Amino acid sequence: MKELVEVIAKALVDNPDAVVVNEICGEQSVIIELKVAPEDMGKVIGKQGRIARAIRTVVKAAAIKANKRVIVEII
């Protein structure tokens, strides 16, 4: 899941070197933290959060295949 979020985020931003993805594994779920450069934050979130919602939807679909619960947080 971490690699999936990283590939999507690097494709969206102008500064792909500043993309950092952390994966925190818990008992029930996995939390994926996405950090990007401040000037790229708008590109990752999108108008009215549409891009962020799309990223979460794609990751959730991949997580269902792996029988996991994944939460994507944009920091």
PDB file of N, CA and C in Angstrom:
ATOM      1  N   MET A   1       0.818  -1.192   0.000  1.00  0.00           N
ATOM      2  CA  MET A   1       0.000   0.000   0.000  1.00  0.00           C
ATOM      3  C   MET A   1       0.868   1.264   0.000  1.00  0.00           C
ATOM      4  N   LYS A   2       1.963   1.192   0.734  1.00  0.00           N
ATOM      5  CA  LYS A   2       2.864   2.342   0.828  1.00  0.00           C
ATOM      6  C   LYS A   2       3.393   2.729  -0.556  1.00  0.00           C
ATOM      7  N   GLU A   3       3.780   1.734  -1.324  1.00  0.00           N
ATOM      8  CA  GLU A   3       4.328   1.993  -2.654  1.00  0.00           C
ATOM      9  C   GLU A   3       3.274   2.579  -3.586  1.00  0.00           C
ATOM     10  N   LEU A   4       2.044   2.121  -3.446  1.00  0.00           N
ATOM     11  CA  LEU A   4       0.954   2.626  -4.277  1.00  0.00           C
ATOM     12  C   LEU A   4       0.718   4.115  -4.031  1.00  0.00           C
ATOM     13  N   VAL A   5       0.654   4.507  -2.764  1.00  0.00           N
ATOM     14  CA  VAL A   5       0.453   5.916  -2.423  1.00  0.00           C
ATOM     15  C   VAL A   5       1.627   6.749  -2.906  1.00  0.00           C
ATOM     16  N   GLU A   6       2.833   6.212  -2.762  1.00  0.00           N
ATOM     17  CA  GLU A   6       4.041   6.946  -3.175  1.00  0.00           C
ATOM     18  C   GLU A   6       4.056   7.187  -4.683  1.00  0.00           C
ATOM     19  N   VAL A   7       3.697   6.194  -5.467  1.00  0.00           N
ATOM     20  CA  VAL A   7       3.682   6.328  -6.927  1.00  0.00           C
ATOM     21  C   VAL A   7       2.634   7.355  -7.360  1.00  0.00           C
ATOM     22  N   ILE A   8       1.455   7.292  -6.764  1.00  0.00           N
ATOM     23  CA  ILE A   8       0.389   8.233  -7.113  1.00  0.00           C
ATOM     24  C   ILE A   8       0.805   9.658  -6.765  1.00  0.00           C
ATOM     25  N   ALA A   9       1.349   9.847  -5.557  1.00  0.00           N
ATOM     26  CA  ALA A   9       1.721  11.192  -5.106  1.00  0.00           C
ATOM     27  C   ALA A   9       2.847  11.768  -5.947  1.00  0.00           C
ATOM     28  N   LYS A  10       3.845  10.965  -6.273  1.00  0.00           N
ATOM     29  CA  LYS A  10       4.976  11.459  -7.076  1.00  0.00           C
ATOM     30  C   LYS A  10       4.536  11.856  -8.474  1.00  0.00           C
ATOM     31  N   ALA A  11       3.500  11.207  -8.991  1.00  0.00           N
ATOM     32  CA  ALA A  11       2.996  11.564 -10.314  1.00  0.00           C
ATOM     33  C   ALA A  11       2.240  12.892 -10.294  1.00  0.00           C
ATOM     34  N   LEU A  12       1.703  13.277  -9.153  1.00  0.00           N
ATOM     35  CA  LEU A  12       0.886  14.489  -9.069  1.00  0.00           C
ATOM     36  C   LEU A  12       1.690  15.757  -8.808  1.00  0.00           C
ATOM     37  N   VAL A  13       2.787  15.665  -8.067  1.00  0.00           N
ATOM     38  CA  VAL A  13       3.471  16.865  -7.566  1.00  0.00           C
ATOM     39  C   VAL A  13       4.567  17.339  -8.517  1.00  0.00           C
ATOM     40  N   ASP A  14       5.004  18.593  -8.304  1.00  0.00           N
ATOM     41  CA  ASP A  14       6.121  19.154  -9.068  1.00  0.00           C
ATOM     42  C   ASP A  14       7.468  18.749  -8.481  1.00  0.00           C
ATOM     43  N   ASN A  15       7.499  18.491  -7.170  1.00  0.00           N
ATOM     44  CA  ASN A  15       8.739  18.154  -6.477  1.00  0.00           C
ATOM     45  C   ASN A  15       8.631  16.732  -5.916  1.00  0.00           C
ATOM     46  N   PRO A  16       8.863  15.704  -6.751  1.00  0.00           N
ATOM     47  CA  PRO A  16       8.677  14.329  -6.277  1.00  0.00           C
ATOM     48  C   PRO A  16       9.698  13.888  -5.226  1.00  0.00           C
ATOM     49  N   ASP A  17      10.816  14.588  -5.113  1.00  0.00           N
ATOM     50  CA  ASP A  17      11.809  14.220  -4.111  1.00  0.00           C
ATOM     51  C   ASP A  17      11.332  14.538  -2.701  1.00  0.00           C
ATOM     52  N   ALA A  18      10.380  15.443  -2.550  1.00  0.00           N
ATOM     53  CA  ALA A  18       9.888  15.846  -1.237  1.00  0.00           C
ATOM     54  C   ALA A  18       8.757  14.948  -0.731  1.00  0.00           C
ATOM     55  N   VAL A  19       8.346  13.968  -1.521  1.00  0.00           N
ATOM     56  CA  VAL A  19       7.262  13.077  -1.111  1.00  0.00           C
ATOM     57  C   VAL A  19       7.806  12.044  -0.123  1.00  0.00           C
ATOM     58  N   VAL A  20       7.169  11.985   1.054  1.00  0.00           N
ATOM     59  CA  VAL A  20       7.549  11.020   2.082  1.00  0.00           C
ATOM     60  C   VAL A  20       6.294  10.266   2.500  1.00  0.00           C
ATOM     61  N   VAL A  21       6.386   8.932   2.498  1.00  0.00           N
ATOM     62  CA  VAL A  21       5.248   8.101   2.884  1.00  0.00           C
ATOM     63  C   VAL A  21       5.672   7.210   4.046  1.00  0.00           C
ATOM     64  N   ASN A  22       4.930   7.293   5.155  1.00  0.00           N
ATOM     65  CA  ASN A  22       5.180   6.443   6.319  1.00  0.00           C
ATOM     66  C   ASN A  22       4.010   5.498   6.496  1.00  0.00           C
ATOM     67  N   GLU A  23       4.326   4.260   6.877  1.00  0.00           N
ATOM     68  CA  GLU A  23       3.294   3.254   7.098  1.00  0.00           C
ATOM     69  C   GLU A  23       3.338   2.837   8.563  1.00  0.00           C
ATOM     70  N   ILE A  24       2.223   3.016   9.260  1.00  0.00           N
ATOM     71  CA  ILE A  24       2.130   2.652  10.666  1.00  0.00           C
ATOM     72  C   ILE A  24       1.145   1.496  10.777  1.00  0.00           C
ATOM     73  N   CYS A  25       1.638   0.355  11.207  1.00  0.00           N
ATOM     74  CA  CYS A  25       0.798  -0.837  11.305  1.00  0.00           C
ATOM     75  C   CYS A  25       0.237  -0.968  12.711  1.00  0.00           C
ATOM     76  N   GLY A  26      -1.064  -1.072  12.815  1.00  0.00           N
ATOM     77  CA  GLY A  26      -1.736  -1.285  14.084  1.00  0.00           C
ATOM     78  C   GLY A  26      -2.346  -2.676  14.121  1.00  0.00           C
ATOM     79  N   GLU A  27      -3.095  -2.949  15.183  1.00  0.00           N
ATOM     80  CA  GLU A  27      -3.730  -4.263  15.309  1.00  0.00           C
ATOM     81  C   GLU A  27      -4.858  -4.433  14.301  1.00  0.00           C
ATOM     82  N   GLN A  28      -5.692  -3.405  14.171  1.00  0.00           N
ATOM     83  CA  GLN A  28      -6.867  -3.498  13.320  1.00  0.00           C
ATOM     84  C   GLN A  28      -6.649  -2.927  11.924  1.00  0.00           C
ATOM     85  N   SER A  29      -5.820  -1.880  11.829  1.00  0.00           N
ATOM     86  CA  SER A  29      -5.701  -1.188  10.550  1.00  0.00           C
ATOM     87  C   SER A  29      -4.275  -0.709  10.312  1.00  0.00           C
ATOM     88  N   VAL A  30      -4.061  -0.200   9.102  1.00  0.00           N
ATOM     89  CA  VAL A  30      -2.779   0.367   8.705  1.00  0.00           C
ATOM     90  C   VAL A  30      -3.015   1.841   8.382  1.00  0.00           C
ATOM     91  N   ILE A  31      -2.180   2.708   8.952  1.00  0.00           N
ATOM     92  CA  ILE A  31      -2.284   4.137   8.678  1.00  0.00           C
ATOM     93  C   ILE A  31      -1.126   4.527   7.768  1.00  0.00           C
ATOM     94  N   ILE A  32      -1.434   5.172   6.665  1.00  0.00           N
ATOM     95  CA  ILE A  32      -0.416   5.638   5.731  1.00  0.00           C
ATOM     96  C   ILE A  32      -0.397   7.156   5.783  1.00  0.00           C
ATOM     97  N   GLU A  33       0.744   7.709   6.163  1.00  0.00           N
ATOM     98  CA  GLU A  33       0.911   9.160   6.244  1.00  0.00           C
ATOM     99  C   GLU A  33       1.631   9.642   4.995  1.00  0.00           C
ATOM    100  N   LEU A  34       1.070  10.629   4.325  1.00  0.00           N
ATOM    101  CA  LEU A  34       1.643  11.200   3.113  1.00  0.00           C
ATOM    102  C   LEU A  34       2.064  12.628   3.397  1.00  0.00           C
ATOM    103  N   LYS A  35       3.337  12.915   3.207  1.00  0.00           N
ATOM    104  CA  LYS A  35       3.856  14.268   3.383  1.00  0.00           C
ATOM    105  C   LYS A  35       4.414  14.744   2.050  1.00  0.00           C
ATOM    106  N   VAL A  36       4.047  15.960   1.659  1.00  0.00           N
ATOM    107  CA  VAL A  36       4.553  16.559   0.425  1.00  0.00           C
ATOM    108  C   VAL A  36       5.034  17.968   0.741  1.00  0.00           C
ATOM    109  N   ALA A  37       5.695  18.584  -0.204  1.00  0.00           N
ATOM    110  CA  ALA A  37       6.155  19.966  -0.035  1.00  0.00           C
ATOM    111  C   ALA A  37       4.929  20.882   0.095  1.00  0.00           C
ATOM    112  N   PRO A  38       5.057  21.963   0.873  1.00  0.00           N
ATOM    113  CA  PRO A  38       3.900  22.863   1.072  1.00  0.00           C
ATOM    114  C   PRO A  38       3.310  23.414  -0.221  1.00  0.00           C
ATOM    115  N   GLU A  39       4.154  23.682  -1.204  1.00  0.00           N
ATOM    116  CA  GLU A  39       3.623  24.224  -2.459  1.00  0.00           C
ATOM    117  C   GLU A  39       2.888  23.178  -3.295  1.00  0.00           C
ATOM    118  N   ASP A  40       3.080  21.894  -2.993  1.00  0.00           N
ATOM    119  CA  ASP A  40       2.402  20.818  -3.714  1.00  0.00           C
ATOM    120  C   ASP A  40       1.154  20.303  -2.995  1.00  0.00           C
ATOM    121  N   MET A  41       0.862  20.863  -1.835  1.00  0.00           N
ATOM    122  CA  MET A  41      -0.265  20.376  -1.039  1.00  0.00           C
ATOM    123  C   MET A  41      -1.585  20.500  -1.799  1.00  0.00           C
ATOM    124  N   GLY A  42      -1.769  21.590  -2.517  1.00  0.00           N
ATOM    125  CA  GLY A  42      -3.000  21.788  -3.277  1.00  0.00           C
ATOM    126  C   GLY A  42      -3.187  20.781  -4.390  1.00  0.00           C
ATOM    127  N   LYS A  43      -2.096  20.348  -4.980  1.00  0.00           N
ATOM    128  CA  LYS A  43      -2.176  19.368  -6.068  1.00  0.00           C
ATOM    129  C   LYS A  43      -2.571  17.995  -5.550  1.00  0.00           C
ATOM    130  N   VAL A  44      -2.162  17.669  -4.333  1.00  0.00           N
ATOM    131  CA  VAL A  44      -2.486  16.365  -3.760  1.00  0.00           C
ATOM    132  C   VAL A  44      -3.919  16.358  -3.225  1.00  0.00           C
ATOM    133  N   ILE A  45      -4.373  17.487  -2.690  1.00  0.00           N
ATOM    134  CA  ILE A  45      -5.725  17.556  -2.136  1.00  0.00           C
ATOM    135  C   ILE A  45      -6.749  17.779  -3.243  1.00  0.00           C
ATOM    136  N   GLY A  46      -6.469  18.686  -4.166  1.00  0.00           N
ATOM    137  CA  GLY A  46      -7.387  18.946  -5.271  1.00  0.00           C
ATOM    138  C   GLY A  46      -8.532  19.855  -4.867  1.00  0.00           C
ATOM    139  N   LYS A  47      -9.314  20.271  -5.838  1.00  0.00           N
ATOM    140  CA  LYS A  47     -10.463  21.137  -5.561  1.00  0.00           C
ATOM    141  C   LYS A  47     -11.503  20.355  -4.772  1.00  0.00           C
ATOM    142  N   GLN A  48     -11.903  20.930  -3.647  1.00  0.00           N
ATOM    143  CA  GLN A  48     -12.880  20.339  -2.737  1.00  0.00           C
ATOM    144  C   GLN A  48     -12.478  18.934  -2.291  1.00  0.00           C
ATOM    145  N   GLY A  49     -11.169  18.644  -2.311  1.00  0.00           N
ATOM    146  CA  GLY A  49     -10.674  17.359  -1.822  1.00  0.00           C
ATOM    147  C   GLY A  49     -10.903  16.189  -2.743  1.00  0.00           C
ATOM    148  N   ARG A  50     -11.133  16.470  -4.017  1.00  0.00           N
ATOM    149  CA  ARG A  50     -11.452  15.384  -4.955  1.00  0.00           C
ATOM    150  C   ARG A  50     -10.275  14.450  -5.202  1.00  0.00           C
ATOM    151  N   ILE A  51      -9.069  14.992  -5.342  1.00  0.00           N
ATOM    152  CA  ILE A  51      -7.895  14.154  -5.595  1.00  0.00           C
ATOM    153  C   ILE A  51      -7.610  13.296  -4.366  1.00  0.00           C
ATOM    154  N   ALA A  52      -7.678  13.912  -3.171  1.00  0.00           N
ATOM    155  CA  ALA A  52      -7.443  13.164  -1.932  1.00  0.00           C
ATOM    156  C   ALA A  52      -8.462  12.038  -1.784  1.00  0.00           C
ATOM    157  N   ARG A  53      -9.713  12.321  -2.100  1.00  0.00           N
ATOM    158  CA  ARG A  53     -10.754  11.297  -2.017  1.00  0.00           C
ATOM    159  C   ARG A  53     -10.488  10.172  -3.010  1.00  0.00           C
ATOM    160  N   ALA A  54     -10.008  10.519  -4.208  1.00  0.00           N
ATOM    161  CA  ALA A  54      -9.702   9.502  -5.217  1.00  0.00           C
ATOM    162  C   ALA A  54      -8.531   8.617  -4.772  1.00  0.00           C
ATOM    163  N   ILE A  55      -7.513   9.235  -4.162  1.00  0.00           N
ATOM    164  CA  ILE A  55      -6.376   8.454  -3.658  1.00  0.00           C
ATOM    165  C   ILE A  55      -6.859   7.476  -2.592  1.00  0.00           C
ATOM    166  N   ARG A  56      -7.690   7.962  -1.681  1.00  0.00           N
ATOM    167  CA  ARG A  56      -8.212   7.089  -0.619  1.00  0.00           C
ATOM    168  C   ARG A  56      -9.053   5.959  -1.186  1.00  0.00           C
ATOM    169  N   THR A  57      -9.823   6.239  -2.237  1.00  0.00           N
ATOM    170  CA  THR A  57     -10.657   5.207  -2.856  1.00  0.00           C
ATOM    171  C   THR A  57      -9.815   4.119  -3.503  1.00  0.00           C
ATOM    172  N   VAL A  58      -8.765   4.509  -4.205  1.00  0.00           N
ATOM    173  CA  VAL A  58      -7.890   3.531  -4.864  1.00  0.00           C
ATOM    174  C   VAL A  58      -7.176   2.670  -3.820  1.00  0.00           C
ATOM    175  N   VAL A  59      -6.688   3.302  -2.775  1.00  0.00           N
ATOM    176  CA  VAL A  59      -5.982   2.549  -1.724  1.00  0.00           C
ATOM    177  C   VAL A  59      -6.946   1.621  -0.997  1.00  0.00           C
ATOM    178  N   LYS A  60      -8.165   2.093  -0.752  1.00  0.00           N
ATOM    179  CA  LYS A  60      -9.152   1.254  -0.074  1.00  0.00           C
ATOM    180  C   LYS A  60      -9.511   0.040  -0.920  1.00  0.00           C
ATOM    181  N   ALA A  61      -9.592   0.218  -2.232  1.00  0.00           N
ATOM    182  CA  ALA A  61      -9.892  -0.899  -3.120  1.00  0.00           C
ATOM    183  C   ALA A  61      -8.758  -1.921  -3.102  1.00  0.00           C
ATOM    184  N   ALA A  62      -7.519  -1.450  -3.080  1.00  0.00           N
ATOM    185  CA  ALA A  62      -6.382  -2.364  -3.005  1.00  0.00           C
ATOM    186  C   ALA A  62      -6.321  -3.052  -1.646  1.00  0.00           C
ATOM    187  N   ALA A  63      -6.728  -2.358  -0.601  1.00  0.00           N
ATOM    188  CA  ALA A  63      -6.701  -2.935   0.742  1.00  0.00           C
ATOM    189  C   ALA A  63      -7.750  -4.025   0.901  1.00  0.00           C
ATOM    190  N   ILE A  64      -8.883  -3.858   0.263  1.00  0.00           N
ATOM    191  CA  ILE A  64      -9.933  -4.879   0.353  1.00  0.00           C
ATOM    192  C   ILE A  64      -9.447  -6.194  -0.245  1.00  0.00           C
ATOM    193  N   LYS A  65      -8.680  -6.107  -1.320  1.00  0.00           N
ATOM    194  CA  LYS A  65      -8.112  -7.324  -1.919  1.00  0.00           C
ATOM    195  C   LYS A  65      -7.181  -8.032  -0.961  1.00  0.00           C
ATOM    196  N   ALA A  66      -6.471  -7.257  -0.131  1.00  0.00           N
ATOM    197  CA  ALA A  66      -5.505  -7.826   0.819  1.00  0.00           C
ATOM    198  C   ALA A  66      -6.132  -8.066   2.191  1.00  0.00           C
ATOM    199  N   ASN A  67      -7.447  -7.892   2.321  1.00  0.00           N
ATOM    200  CA  ASN A  67      -8.160  -8.057   3.588  1.00  0.00           C
ATOM    201  C   ASN A  67      -7.568  -7.200   4.704  1.00  0.00           C
ATOM    202  N   LYS A  68      -7.330  -5.940   4.409  1.00  0.00           N
ATOM    203  CA  LYS A  68      -6.788  -5.014   5.392  1.00  0.00           C
ATOM    204  C   LYS A  68      -7.655  -3.766   5.422  1.00  0.00           C
ATOM    205  N   ARG A  69      -7.524  -2.991   6.496  1.00  0.00           N
ATOM    206  CA  ARG A  69      -8.202  -1.703   6.605  1.00  0.00           C
ATOM    207  C   ARG A  69      -7.121  -0.633   6.590  1.00  0.00           C
ATOM    208  N   VAL A  70      -7.187   0.239   5.609  1.00  0.00           N
ATOM    209  CA  VAL A  70      -6.134   1.242   5.425  1.00  0.00           C
ATOM    210  C   VAL A  70      -6.733   2.642   5.517  1.00  0.00           C
ATOM    211  N   ILE A  71      -6.028   3.509   6.247  1.00  0.00           N
ATOM    212  CA  ILE A  71      -6.419   4.917   6.381  1.00  0.00           C
ATOM    213  C   ILE A  71      -5.299   5.750   5.808  1.00  0.00           C
ATOM    214  N   VAL A  72      -5.613   6.673   4.898  1.00  0.00           N
ATOM    215  CA  VAL A  72      -4.621   7.563   4.292  1.00  0.00           C
ATOM    216  C   VAL A  72      -4.778   8.941   4.909  1.00  0.00           C
ATOM    217  N   GLU A  73      -3.693   9.453   5.499  1.00  0.00           N
ATOM    218  CA  GLU A  73      -3.687  10.790   6.069  1.00  0.00           C
ATOM    219  C   GLU A  73      -2.698  11.652   5.301  1.00  0.00           C
ATOM    220  N   ILE A  74      -3.127  12.837   4.915  1.00  0.00           N
ATOM    221  CA  ILE A  74      -2.254  13.778   4.223  1.00  0.00           C
ATOM    222  C   ILE A  74      -1.815  14.811   5.250  1.00  0.00           C
ATOM    223  N   ILE A  75      -0.514  14.870   5.471  1.00  0.00           N
ATOM    224  CA  ILE A  75       0.038  15.750   6.516  1.00  0.00           C
ATOM    225  C   ILE A  75       0.746  16.908   5.868  1.00  0.00           C
TER     226      ILE A  75
END
